[in-house]
Protein backbone atom coordinates (compact mmCIF):
# COMPACT_ATOMS: atom_id res chain seq x y z
CA MET A 1 -95.05 -123.58 -62.74
CA SER A 2 -93.17 -121.07 -65.68
CA ALA A 3 -90.49 -122.22 -67.24
CA SER A 4 -88.39 -119.26 -66.24
CA MET A 5 -88.28 -120.13 -62.61
CA HIS A 6 -86.04 -123.25 -63.80
CA ALA A 7 -83.88 -120.62 -66.43
CA PRO A 8 -80.18 -121.59 -65.96
CA MET A 9 -77.68 -118.76 -63.93
CA PRO A 10 -76.37 -116.31 -66.90
CA ALA A 11 -73.10 -116.80 -67.39
CA SER A 12 -72.01 -113.61 -66.54
CA GLN A 13 -73.42 -114.06 -63.24
CA ASN A 14 -71.35 -117.74 -62.67
CA ALA A 15 -68.25 -115.84 -63.88
CA THR A 16 -68.91 -113.00 -61.18
CA GLN A 17 -69.29 -115.98 -58.82
CA ALA A 18 -66.18 -118.06 -59.73
CA THR A 19 -64.21 -114.68 -59.96
CA ARG A 20 -65.13 -113.26 -56.33
CA SER A 21 -64.98 -116.95 -54.47
CA PRO A 22 -61.33 -117.22 -54.22
CA SER A 23 -61.06 -113.50 -52.54
CA ARG A 24 -63.82 -114.49 -50.42
CA ILE A 25 -61.35 -117.23 -49.18
CA GLY A 26 -58.41 -115.26 -48.52
CA VAL A 27 -60.32 -112.77 -46.56
CA ALA A 28 -61.48 -115.53 -44.45
CA LEU A 29 -57.85 -117.18 -44.12
CA VAL A 30 -56.70 -114.38 -43.09
CA ALA A 31 -59.28 -113.58 -40.78
CA ALA A 32 -58.68 -116.49 -39.07
CA ALA A 33 -54.73 -116.65 -39.14
CA THR A 34 -54.60 -113.28 -37.25
CA GLY A 35 -56.76 -115.22 -34.83
CA VAL A 36 -54.04 -118.01 -34.71
CA ALA A 37 -51.37 -115.78 -34.37
CA MET A 38 -53.02 -114.24 -31.12
CA LEU A 39 -53.70 -117.56 -29.76
CA LEU A 40 -50.38 -118.61 -30.25
CA ALA A 41 -48.42 -115.03 -28.97
CA GLY A 42 -50.73 -116.47 -25.50
CA CYS A 43 -49.43 -119.43 -25.42
CA GLU A 44 -46.40 -118.75 -24.11
CA ASN A 45 -47.63 -118.54 -20.56
CA MET A 46 -49.38 -121.83 -20.59
CA GLY A 47 -49.24 -124.63 -19.51
CA ALA A 48 -48.36 -127.67 -22.04
CA ARG A 49 -52.53 -128.90 -21.75
CA GLU A 50 -53.52 -125.08 -22.55
CA ARG A 51 -51.13 -124.94 -25.29
CA GLY A 52 -52.06 -127.96 -27.17
CA THR A 53 -55.50 -126.88 -26.72
CA ALA A 54 -55.40 -123.27 -27.63
CA GLN A 55 -53.11 -124.57 -30.70
CA GLY A 56 -55.45 -127.14 -31.79
CA ALA A 57 -58.07 -124.25 -31.40
CA GLY A 58 -56.37 -121.48 -33.90
CA LEU A 59 -55.39 -124.54 -36.39
CA GLY A 60 -59.18 -126.04 -36.02
CA ALA A 61 -60.15 -122.15 -36.62
CA VAL A 62 -58.74 -121.81 -40.09
CA ALA A 63 -59.75 -124.98 -41.27
CA GLY A 64 -63.12 -124.14 -40.44
CA ALA A 65 -62.88 -120.53 -42.43
CA ALA A 66 -61.52 -122.27 -45.31
CA ILE A 67 -64.25 -125.18 -46.06
CA GLY A 68 -66.83 -122.69 -44.92
CA ALA A 69 -65.72 -120.13 -47.34
CA MET A 70 -64.70 -123.09 -50.39
CA THR A 71 -68.65 -124.56 -49.37
CA GLY A 72 -70.04 -121.42 -50.15
CA GLY A 73 -71.09 -121.36 -46.50
CA ASN A 74 -72.83 -118.05 -45.94
CA ASN A 75 -71.69 -117.73 -41.89
CA ILE A 76 -67.49 -117.81 -42.77
CA GLY A 77 -67.43 -116.92 -39.27
CA LYS A 78 -69.72 -120.02 -37.89
CA SER A 79 -67.46 -122.61 -39.74
CA ALA A 80 -64.23 -121.04 -37.87
CA VAL A 81 -65.57 -121.56 -34.56
CA ILE A 82 -67.05 -125.18 -35.54
CA GLY A 83 -63.22 -125.97 -36.59
CA ALA A 84 -62.09 -124.22 -33.34
CA ALA A 85 -63.95 -126.46 -31.12
CA ALA A 86 -63.19 -129.84 -32.97
CA GLY A 87 -59.08 -128.20 -32.89
CA ALA A 88 -59.59 -127.82 -29.53
CA ILE A 89 -60.21 -131.71 -28.54
CA ALA A 90 -57.42 -132.52 -30.85
CA GLY A 91 -54.86 -130.37 -29.37
CA ASN A 92 -56.16 -131.61 -25.64
CA LEU A 93 -55.37 -134.90 -25.85
CA TRP A 94 -52.44 -134.79 -23.41
CA SER A 95 -54.69 -135.09 -20.44
CA LYS A 96 -54.46 -133.79 -16.89
CA ARG A 97 -53.80 -136.91 -15.93
CA MET A 98 -50.63 -136.90 -18.26
CA GLU A 99 -49.67 -132.97 -16.83
CA ASP A 100 -49.73 -134.73 -13.91
CA GLN A 101 -47.66 -137.13 -13.93
CA ARG A 102 -45.06 -134.85 -15.69
CA ARG A 103 -44.66 -132.72 -12.67
CA ALA A 104 -44.37 -135.58 -10.21
CA MET A 105 -41.19 -137.12 -12.31
CA GLU A 106 -39.75 -133.71 -12.91
CA ARG A 107 -39.99 -133.10 -8.99
CA ALA A 108 -38.94 -136.73 -8.56
CA THR A 109 -35.76 -136.32 -10.61
CA GLU A 110 -34.54 -132.97 -9.97
CA GLY A 111 -31.28 -132.47 -9.84
CA THR A 112 -30.33 -136.22 -11.57
CA GLY A 113 -30.00 -135.15 -15.16
CA VAL A 114 -33.07 -136.87 -16.29
CA ASP A 115 -34.90 -135.30 -18.91
CA VAL A 116 -38.75 -134.91 -18.51
CA VAL A 117 -40.55 -134.52 -21.96
CA ARG A 118 -43.83 -134.15 -23.53
CA THR A 119 -43.23 -135.46 -26.55
CA PRO A 120 -44.92 -134.18 -30.57
CA ASP A 121 -47.32 -137.36 -30.17
CA ASN A 122 -48.58 -136.82 -26.59
CA GLN A 123 -46.48 -139.06 -24.73
CA LEU A 124 -44.44 -138.53 -21.62
CA LYS A 125 -40.38 -139.25 -22.26
CA LEU A 126 -37.82 -139.54 -19.36
CA ASN A 127 -34.44 -139.52 -21.35
CA ILE A 128 -31.82 -141.11 -18.33
CA PRO A 129 -28.00 -140.42 -18.79
CA SER A 130 -25.03 -143.06 -18.49
CA ASP A 131 -23.90 -141.50 -15.67
CA ILE A 132 -27.12 -142.36 -12.95
CA SER A 133 -28.42 -145.04 -15.33
CA PHE A 134 -25.68 -148.15 -16.30
CA ALA A 135 -21.88 -148.86 -16.46
CA THR A 136 -19.96 -149.11 -20.34
CA GLY A 137 -20.58 -152.75 -21.21
CA SER A 138 -22.98 -153.28 -18.23
CA ALA A 139 -26.69 -153.90 -17.77
CA ALA A 140 -26.43 -153.58 -14.30
CA ILE A 141 -29.15 -150.70 -12.43
CA LYS A 142 -26.66 -148.58 -10.85
CA PRO A 143 -28.27 -147.46 -7.32
CA GLU A 144 -29.27 -143.23 -8.91
CA LEU A 145 -31.60 -145.19 -11.11
CA ARG A 146 -33.12 -147.48 -8.60
CA GLU A 147 -34.64 -144.34 -6.95
CA VAL A 148 -35.95 -142.73 -10.35
CA LEU A 149 -37.58 -145.58 -11.51
CA GLN A 150 -39.01 -146.61 -7.64
CA GLN A 151 -40.55 -143.02 -7.60
CA PHE A 152 -41.85 -143.77 -11.80
CA SER A 153 -43.48 -146.98 -10.48
CA GLN A 154 -45.24 -145.76 -7.64
CA GLY A 155 -46.67 -142.97 -10.14
CA LEU A 156 -47.89 -146.23 -12.68
CA LYS A 157 -49.46 -147.78 -9.95
CA GLU A 158 -51.21 -144.85 -9.52
CA ASN A 159 -52.34 -144.83 -12.83
CA PRO A 160 -53.28 -148.02 -14.19
CA GLY A 161 -54.11 -147.27 -17.62
CA THR A 162 -51.02 -146.10 -18.52
CA LEU A 163 -48.78 -147.95 -20.48
CA VAL A 164 -45.06 -147.73 -20.71
CA ARG A 165 -41.78 -148.72 -23.27
CA VAL A 166 -38.65 -148.90 -22.11
CA VAL A 167 -35.66 -148.20 -25.06
CA GLY A 168 -32.07 -148.71 -24.61
CA HIS A 169 -29.30 -147.44 -26.42
CA THR A 170 -25.27 -147.60 -26.25
CA ASP A 171 -22.57 -146.33 -27.27
CA ASN A 172 -20.15 -147.10 -30.38
CA VAL A 173 -17.93 -149.13 -28.42
CA GLY A 174 -17.92 -153.15 -29.12
CA SER A 175 -19.71 -155.21 -31.98
CA ASP A 176 -23.32 -154.22 -33.44
CA THR A 177 -23.77 -157.83 -32.28
CA LEU A 178 -23.06 -157.32 -28.79
CA ASN A 179 -24.65 -153.75 -28.64
CA ASN A 180 -27.40 -154.83 -29.68
CA LYS A 181 -28.05 -157.53 -27.22
CA LEU A 182 -26.93 -154.84 -24.38
CA SER A 183 -29.22 -152.34 -25.07
CA LEU A 184 -32.07 -154.71 -25.46
CA GLU A 185 -30.74 -156.38 -21.87
CA ARG A 186 -30.77 -152.68 -20.03
CA ALA A 187 -34.76 -152.55 -21.39
CA ASP A 188 -35.41 -155.38 -20.45
CA THR A 189 -33.53 -154.96 -16.52
CA VAL A 190 -35.83 -151.86 -15.96
CA ARG A 191 -38.78 -153.62 -16.96
CA ASP A 192 -37.82 -156.05 -14.21
CA PHE A 193 -37.28 -153.61 -12.15
CA LEU A 194 -40.72 -152.14 -12.54
CA GLU A 195 -42.17 -155.46 -12.45
CA ASP A 196 -40.66 -156.54 -9.01
CA ARG A 197 -42.38 -153.48 -7.92
CA GLY A 198 -46.20 -154.27 -8.80
CA VAL A 199 -46.42 -152.74 -12.20
CA SER A 200 -47.71 -155.05 -14.33
CA ARG A 201 -45.70 -156.96 -17.43
CA SER A 202 -47.97 -156.90 -19.77
CA ARG A 203 -47.73 -152.98 -20.08
CA ILE A 204 -44.20 -152.31 -20.52
CA ASP A 205 -42.81 -152.72 -23.85
CA VAL A 206 -39.26 -152.68 -24.59
CA ALA A 207 -36.40 -152.82 -26.96
CA GLY A 208 -33.26 -152.51 -27.99
CA ARG A 209 -31.91 -149.72 -30.45
CA GLY A 210 -27.99 -150.99 -30.16
CA GLU A 211 -25.75 -147.78 -31.09
CA ARG A 212 -27.93 -146.95 -34.38
CA GLU A 213 -29.92 -143.61 -32.53
CA PRO A 214 -26.99 -141.67 -31.18
CA ILE A 215 -27.80 -138.03 -29.86
CA ALA A 216 -24.16 -137.13 -29.45
CA SER A 217 -20.66 -138.08 -31.21
CA ASN A 218 -19.08 -141.19 -30.32
CA GLU A 219 -15.72 -139.67 -30.81
CA THR A 220 -15.79 -137.90 -27.41
CA ALA A 221 -16.12 -139.41 -23.46
CA GLU A 222 -18.65 -137.25 -22.95
CA GLY A 223 -20.40 -137.62 -26.08
CA ARG A 224 -20.20 -141.85 -25.62
CA GLY A 225 -21.51 -141.31 -21.94
CA LYS A 226 -24.67 -139.35 -23.57
CA ASN A 227 -25.68 -142.30 -25.94
CA ARG A 228 -25.48 -144.89 -23.52
CA ARG A 229 -28.95 -144.41 -22.07
CA VAL A 230 -32.42 -145.19 -21.71
CA GLU A 231 -35.63 -143.59 -23.00
CA ILE A 232 -38.86 -144.74 -20.80
CA PHE A 233 -42.08 -143.37 -22.84
CA LEU A 234 -44.89 -143.19 -20.95
CA ARG A 235 -48.66 -142.88 -23.12
CA GLU A 236 -52.26 -143.52 -22.27
CA PRO A 237 -54.22 -146.26 -24.82
CA GLU A 238 -55.88 -144.40 -27.63
CA SER A 239 -59.54 -145.14 -26.45
CA ALA A 240 -58.78 -142.86 -23.39
CA ALA A 241 -56.35 -140.34 -25.44
CA GLY A 242 -59.05 -139.45 -27.10
CA THR A 243 -61.06 -138.48 -23.79
CA VAL A 244 -60.87 -135.05 -22.99
CA ARG A 245 -60.36 -134.46 -19.08
């Protein structure tokens, strides 16, 4: 075999490729980013699950195109498609089961003031205000909250794999010691209520935040009422969340 076949690439050719690489990457990113912008523009009319899939696909496409360009791949478009597929899976961690539960809780709590939302880390969150939950200085559940929790417990029994976290909060009336204890007692009361209705205690984690995480000013009665609340988080186990449904 001749030595010429193993001759090193001329320095001028190396320089040409080096100067061309940034341009190659830039074109790939611009093209993929344009696609992402189009995807996100279409997300407005999508449901939560579809929106997560589309956004994940878009971001995956950008990453795939960039990696393809930087590693010298000849088919940047193929890299973008592979990245989009991986991103779509990551964005679809909000399963159909979680979406069904969100819609069911929205119907059950309509008109009660309970806020039902999907969190950025794919949990279902119920923010329950004080006017239907607890009186000042009390951990006794009001009748209005009992009706909401009754519906919630039924949904939990129909979806035995989901896990629950109940977090109690207070306003700033009283000492830190008292409020920390009271916020935890409120969370415990909710767990006891759910357990009495057939939800396994092992599925429910509780925490008390006292007055440390206000969502409104404690300077007014209205603000203190908003801070005196319980938040309920519902999530799927990590192994289940990684499965697209």
